[in-house]
Amino acid sequence: MSANVLDRDIAKINAETAVQKTERDSEKARAEATLATRKATFNRDVNISQIEATRATEARDEELRRDVEVKRAQTELERLVRIHTPTPRLIQF
């Protein structure tokens, strides 16, 4: 085999290797872009879930505060009614 043929074969192998490397690099870049997109979507979904959970907790806390205030008001009303309602007195003969 002549050196010229050998050089041509080596050049062909180098070219094929370069093409394969470019294809792998391109595939890797697409995979990394897909991963970045999925991570961003996941992080967004996690943040939305955290916000929704926080809002649900705040709403429940507000509901409980209202319930407590209503019960306090009812208790105070009952106390005031007891204080200001005359008690019946027994008449003794």
N, C-alpha and C. Protein backbone atom coordinates (compact mmCIF):
# COMPACT_ATOMS: atom_id res chain seq x y z
N MET A 1 0.84 -1.16 0.00
CA MET A 1 0.00 0.00 0.00
C MET A 1 0.90 1.24 0.00
N SER A 2 0.54 2.18 -0.79
CA SER A 2 1.38 3.37 -0.87
C SER A 2 1.04 4.35 0.24
N ALA A 3 1.94 5.23 0.46
CA ALA A 3 1.75 6.23 1.52
C ALA A 3 0.59 7.14 1.17
N ASN A 4 0.39 7.36 -0.10
CA ASN A 4 -0.69 8.22 -0.55
C ASN A 4 -2.05 7.61 -0.19
N VAL A 5 -2.22 6.33 -0.41
CA VAL A 5 -3.47 5.63 -0.08
C VAL A 5 -3.65 5.61 1.43
N LEU A 6 -2.57 5.36 2.13
CA LEU A 6 -2.62 5.33 3.60
C LEU A 6 -3.00 6.70 4.14
N ASP A 7 -2.42 7.75 3.59
CA ASP A 7 -2.77 9.11 4.02
C ASP A 7 -4.24 9.42 3.73
N ARG A 8 -4.73 8.95 2.59
CA ARG A 8 -6.13 9.16 2.22
C ARG A 8 -7.05 8.42 3.20
N ASP A 9 -6.69 7.19 3.57
CA ASP A 9 -7.50 6.43 4.52
C ASP A 9 -7.51 7.09 5.89
N ILE A 10 -6.36 7.57 6.30
CA ILE A 10 -6.27 8.27 7.60
C ILE A 10 -7.12 9.54 7.56
N ALA A 11 -7.06 10.28 6.47
CA ALA A 11 -7.84 11.51 6.34
C ALA A 11 -9.33 11.19 6.36
N LYS A 12 -9.71 10.10 5.69
CA LYS A 12 -11.11 9.69 5.68
C LYS A 12 -11.58 9.31 7.09
N ILE A 13 -10.76 8.57 7.80
CA ILE A 13 -11.09 8.19 9.18
C ILE A 13 -11.19 9.43 10.06
N ASN A 14 -10.27 10.35 9.91
CA ASN A 14 -10.31 11.59 10.70
C ASN A 14 -11.57 12.40 10.38
N ALA A 15 -11.96 12.44 9.13
CA ALA A 15 -13.16 13.19 8.73
C ALA A 15 -14.40 12.52 9.32
N GLU A 16 -14.49 11.19 9.23
CA GLU A 16 -15.63 10.48 9.80
C GLU A 16 -15.69 10.67 11.31
N THR A 17 -14.52 10.64 11.93
CA THR A 17 -14.46 10.86 13.38
C THR A 17 -14.94 12.26 13.73
N ALA A 18 -14.53 13.24 12.94
CA ALA A 18 -14.96 14.63 13.19
C ALA A 18 -16.47 14.76 13.02
N VAL A 19 -17.03 14.11 11.99
CA VAL A 19 -18.48 14.16 11.76
C VAL A 19 -19.21 13.50 12.93
N GLN A 20 -18.73 12.34 13.37
CA GLN A 20 -19.36 11.65 14.49
C GLN A 20 -19.28 12.49 15.77
N LYS A 21 -18.14 13.14 15.98
CA LYS A 21 -18.00 13.99 17.17
C LYS A 21 -18.97 15.16 17.10
N THR A 22 -19.09 15.76 15.93
CA THR A 22 -20.04 16.87 15.76
C THR A 22 -21.46 16.40 16.02
N GLU A 23 -21.81 15.22 15.52
CA GLU A 23 -23.14 14.68 15.75
C GLU A 23 -23.38 14.42 17.23
N ARG A 24 -22.38 13.84 17.90
CA ARG A 24 -22.50 13.59 19.34
C ARG A 24 -22.63 14.90 20.11
N ASP A 25 -21.82 15.89 19.73
CA ASP A 25 -21.90 17.19 20.41
C ASP A 25 -23.27 17.84 20.21
N SER A 26 -23.79 17.71 18.99
CA SER A 26 -25.11 18.26 18.70
C SER A 26 -26.19 17.53 19.50
N GLU A 27 -26.09 16.22 19.55
CA GLU A 27 -27.05 15.41 20.32
C GLU A 27 -26.96 15.75 21.80
N LYS A 28 -25.74 15.92 22.30
CA LYS A 28 -25.55 16.28 23.70
C LYS A 28 -26.16 17.65 23.99
N ALA A 29 -25.96 18.60 23.09
CA ALA A 29 -26.51 19.95 23.28
C ALA A 29 -28.04 19.90 23.30
N ARG A 30 -28.64 19.10 22.41
CA ARG A 30 -30.11 18.96 22.41
C ARG A 30 -30.58 18.34 23.72
N ALA A 31 -29.87 17.31 24.18
CA ALA A 31 -30.26 16.65 25.44
C ALA A 31 -30.13 17.62 26.62
N GLU A 32 -29.07 18.40 26.63
CA GLU A 32 -28.89 19.37 27.72
C GLU A 32 -29.96 20.46 27.67
N ALA A 33 -30.35 20.88 26.45
CA ALA A 33 -31.42 21.87 26.33
C ALA A 33 -32.74 21.30 26.82
N THR A 34 -33.01 20.04 26.46
CA THR A 34 -34.23 19.38 26.93
C THR A 34 -34.23 19.27 28.45
N LEU A 35 -33.09 18.88 29.00
CA LEU A 35 -32.98 18.76 30.46
C LEU A 35 -33.19 20.11 31.13
N ALA A 36 -32.58 21.16 30.58
CA ALA A 36 -32.74 22.49 31.16
C ALA A 36 -34.21 22.93 31.13
N THR A 37 -34.89 22.62 30.03
CA THR A 37 -36.31 22.96 29.91
C THR A 37 -37.13 22.20 30.94
N ARG A 38 -36.85 20.92 31.07
CA ARG A 38 -37.59 20.12 32.05
C ARG A 38 -37.31 20.58 33.47
N LYS A 39 -36.06 20.94 33.77
CA LYS A 39 -35.73 21.45 35.11
C LYS A 39 -36.48 22.75 35.37
N ALA A 40 -36.51 23.63 34.38
CA ALA A 40 -37.20 24.90 34.55
C ALA A 40 -38.69 24.67 34.78
N THR A 41 -39.27 23.76 34.02
CA THR A 41 -40.69 23.43 34.20
C THR A 41 -40.94 22.84 35.58
N PHE A 42 -40.07 21.94 36.00
CA PHE A 42 -40.21 21.33 37.32
C PHE A 42 -40.11 22.39 38.41
N ASN A 43 -39.10 23.26 38.31
CA ASN A 43 -38.92 24.31 39.32
C ASN A 43 -40.13 25.25 39.35
N ARG A 44 -40.66 25.57 38.18
CA ARG A 44 -41.85 26.44 38.12
C ARG A 44 -43.02 25.75 38.81
N ASP A 45 -43.21 24.47 38.50
CA ASP A 45 -44.31 23.72 39.10
C ASP A 45 -44.16 23.63 40.62
N VAL A 46 -42.92 23.42 41.08
CA VAL A 46 -42.67 23.37 42.53
C VAL A 46 -42.99 24.71 43.16
N ASN A 47 -42.55 25.79 42.53
CA ASN A 47 -42.83 27.13 43.08
C ASN A 47 -44.32 27.41 43.12
N ILE A 48 -45.03 27.04 42.07
CA ILE A 48 -46.48 27.24 42.04
C ILE A 48 -47.14 26.44 43.16
N SER A 49 -46.70 25.21 43.34
CA SER A 49 -47.27 24.37 44.40
C SER A 49 -47.00 24.96 45.78
N GLN A 50 -45.80 25.49 45.97
CA GLN A 50 -45.46 26.11 47.26
C GLN A 50 -46.34 27.34 47.50
N ILE A 51 -46.53 28.14 46.47
CA ILE A 51 -47.37 29.33 46.61
C ILE A 51 -48.81 28.93 46.92
N GLU A 52 -49.31 27.93 46.20
CA GLU A 52 -50.68 27.47 46.46
C GLU A 52 -50.82 26.92 47.87
N ALA A 53 -49.83 26.19 48.34
CA ALA A 53 -49.88 25.64 49.70
C ALA A 53 -49.85 26.77 50.72
N THR A 54 -49.02 27.77 50.49
CA THR A 54 -48.94 28.91 51.41
C THR A 54 -50.28 29.65 51.45
N ARG A 55 -50.85 29.86 50.28
CA ARG A 55 -52.15 30.57 50.23
C ARG A 55 -53.25 29.75 50.91
N ALA A 56 -53.23 28.45 50.71
CA ALA A 56 -54.24 27.60 51.36
C ALA A 56 -54.08 27.65 52.87
N THR A 57 -52.84 27.64 53.33
CA THR A 57 -52.58 27.72 54.78
C THR A 57 -53.04 29.07 55.32
N GLU A 58 -52.73 30.14 54.60
CA GLU A 58 -53.16 31.47 55.04
C GLU A 58 -54.68 31.57 55.08
N ALA A 59 -55.34 31.00 54.08
CA ALA A 59 -56.81 31.05 54.05
C ALA A 59 -57.38 30.27 55.24
N ARG A 60 -56.80 29.12 55.52
CA ARG A 60 -57.27 28.30 56.65
C ARG A 60 -57.02 29.04 57.97
N ASP A 61 -55.86 29.67 58.11
CA ASP A 61 -55.57 30.44 59.32
C ASP A 61 -56.58 31.56 59.50
N GLU A 62 -56.91 32.25 58.41
CA GLU A 62 -57.88 33.34 58.49
C GLU A 62 -59.25 32.80 58.87
N GLU A 63 -59.62 31.66 58.33
CA GLU A 63 -60.90 31.03 58.67
C GLU A 63 -60.93 30.67 60.16
N LEU A 64 -59.84 30.12 60.66
CA LEU A 64 -59.78 29.77 62.09
C LEU A 64 -59.83 31.01 62.96
N ARG A 65 -59.16 32.09 62.53
CA ARG A 65 -59.21 33.35 63.29
C ARG A 65 -60.64 33.88 63.36
N ARG A 66 -61.33 33.81 62.23
CA ARG A 66 -62.74 34.26 62.21
C ARG A 66 -63.58 33.42 63.16
N ASP A 67 -63.37 32.10 63.12
CA ASP A 67 -64.13 31.22 64.02
C ASP A 67 -63.88 31.57 65.48
N VAL A 68 -62.62 31.83 65.82
CA VAL A 68 -62.28 32.19 67.20
C VAL A 68 -62.95 33.50 67.57
N GLU A 69 -62.93 34.48 66.69
CA GLU A 69 -63.55 35.77 66.99
C GLU A 69 -65.06 35.63 67.16
N VAL A 70 -65.69 34.80 66.35
CA VAL A 70 -67.13 34.58 66.48
C VAL A 70 -67.42 33.92 67.83
N LYS A 71 -66.64 32.93 68.20
CA LYS A 71 -66.86 32.26 69.49
C LYS A 71 -66.61 33.21 70.66
N ARG A 72 -65.59 34.05 70.54
CA ARG A 72 -65.35 35.05 71.60
C ARG A 72 -66.53 36.00 71.72
N ALA A 73 -67.03 36.43 70.57
CA ALA A 73 -68.17 37.36 70.59
C ALA A 73 -69.39 36.68 71.19
N GLN A 74 -69.63 35.42 70.86
CA GLN A 74 -70.76 34.69 71.43
C GLN A 74 -70.61 34.54 72.94
N THR A 75 -69.41 34.22 73.37
CA THR A 75 -69.16 34.07 74.80
C THR A 75 -69.37 35.40 75.52
N GLU A 76 -68.88 36.49 74.94
CA GLU A 76 -69.05 37.81 75.56
C GLU A 76 -70.53 38.19 75.60
N LEU A 77 -71.25 37.89 74.54
CA LEU A 77 -72.68 38.18 74.51
C LEU A 77 -73.41 37.39 75.60
N GLU A 78 -73.10 36.13 75.74
CA GLU A 78 -73.72 35.31 76.79
C GLU A 78 -73.40 35.86 78.17
N ARG A 79 -72.16 36.30 78.35
CA ARG A 79 -71.76 36.87 79.64
C ARG A 79 -72.55 38.15 79.92
N LEU A 80 -72.65 39.00 78.93
CA LEU A 80 -73.39 40.25 79.12
C LEU A 80 -74.86 40.00 79.37
N VAL A 81 -75.42 39.03 78.69
CA VAL A 81 -76.83 38.69 78.91
C VAL A 81 -77.02 38.21 80.34
N ARG A 82 -76.12 37.37 80.82
CA ARG A 82 -76.22 36.87 82.21
C ARG A 82 -76.11 38.02 83.21
N ILE A 83 -75.22 38.94 82.95
CA ILE A 83 -75.02 40.05 83.88
C ILE A 83 -76.26 40.96 83.91
N HIS A 84 -76.84 41.22 82.78
CA HIS A 84 -77.91 42.21 82.69
C HIS A 84 -79.32 41.61 82.72
N THR A 85 -79.41 40.32 82.87
CA THR A 85 -80.72 39.70 82.98
C THR A 85 -81.05 39.56 84.47
N PRO A 86 -82.18 40.11 84.88
CA PRO A 86 -82.52 39.98 86.31
C PRO A 86 -82.83 38.53 86.64
N THR A 87 -82.39 38.18 87.82
CA THR A 87 -82.67 36.81 88.28
C THR A 87 -84.01 36.81 89.01
N PRO A 88 -84.80 35.81 88.78
CA PRO A 88 -86.10 35.76 89.46
C PRO A 88 -85.88 35.55 90.95
N ARG A 89 -86.68 36.25 91.71
CA ARG A 89 -86.59 36.12 93.17
C ARG A 89 -87.81 35.39 93.68
N LEU A 90 -87.55 34.60 94.62
CA LEU A 90 -88.65 33.87 95.25
C LEU A 90 -89.34 34.77 96.28
N ILE A 91 -90.61 34.74 96.19
CA ILE A 91 -91.35 35.53 97.16
C ILE A 91 -91.69 34.60 98.33
N GLN A 92 -91.35 35.05 99.51
CA GLN A 92 -91.63 34.23 100.69
C GLN A 92 -92.88 34.76 101.37
N PHE A 93 -93.69 33.86 101.82
CA PHE A 93 -94.92 34.21 102.54
C PHE A 93 -94.78 33.97 103.98
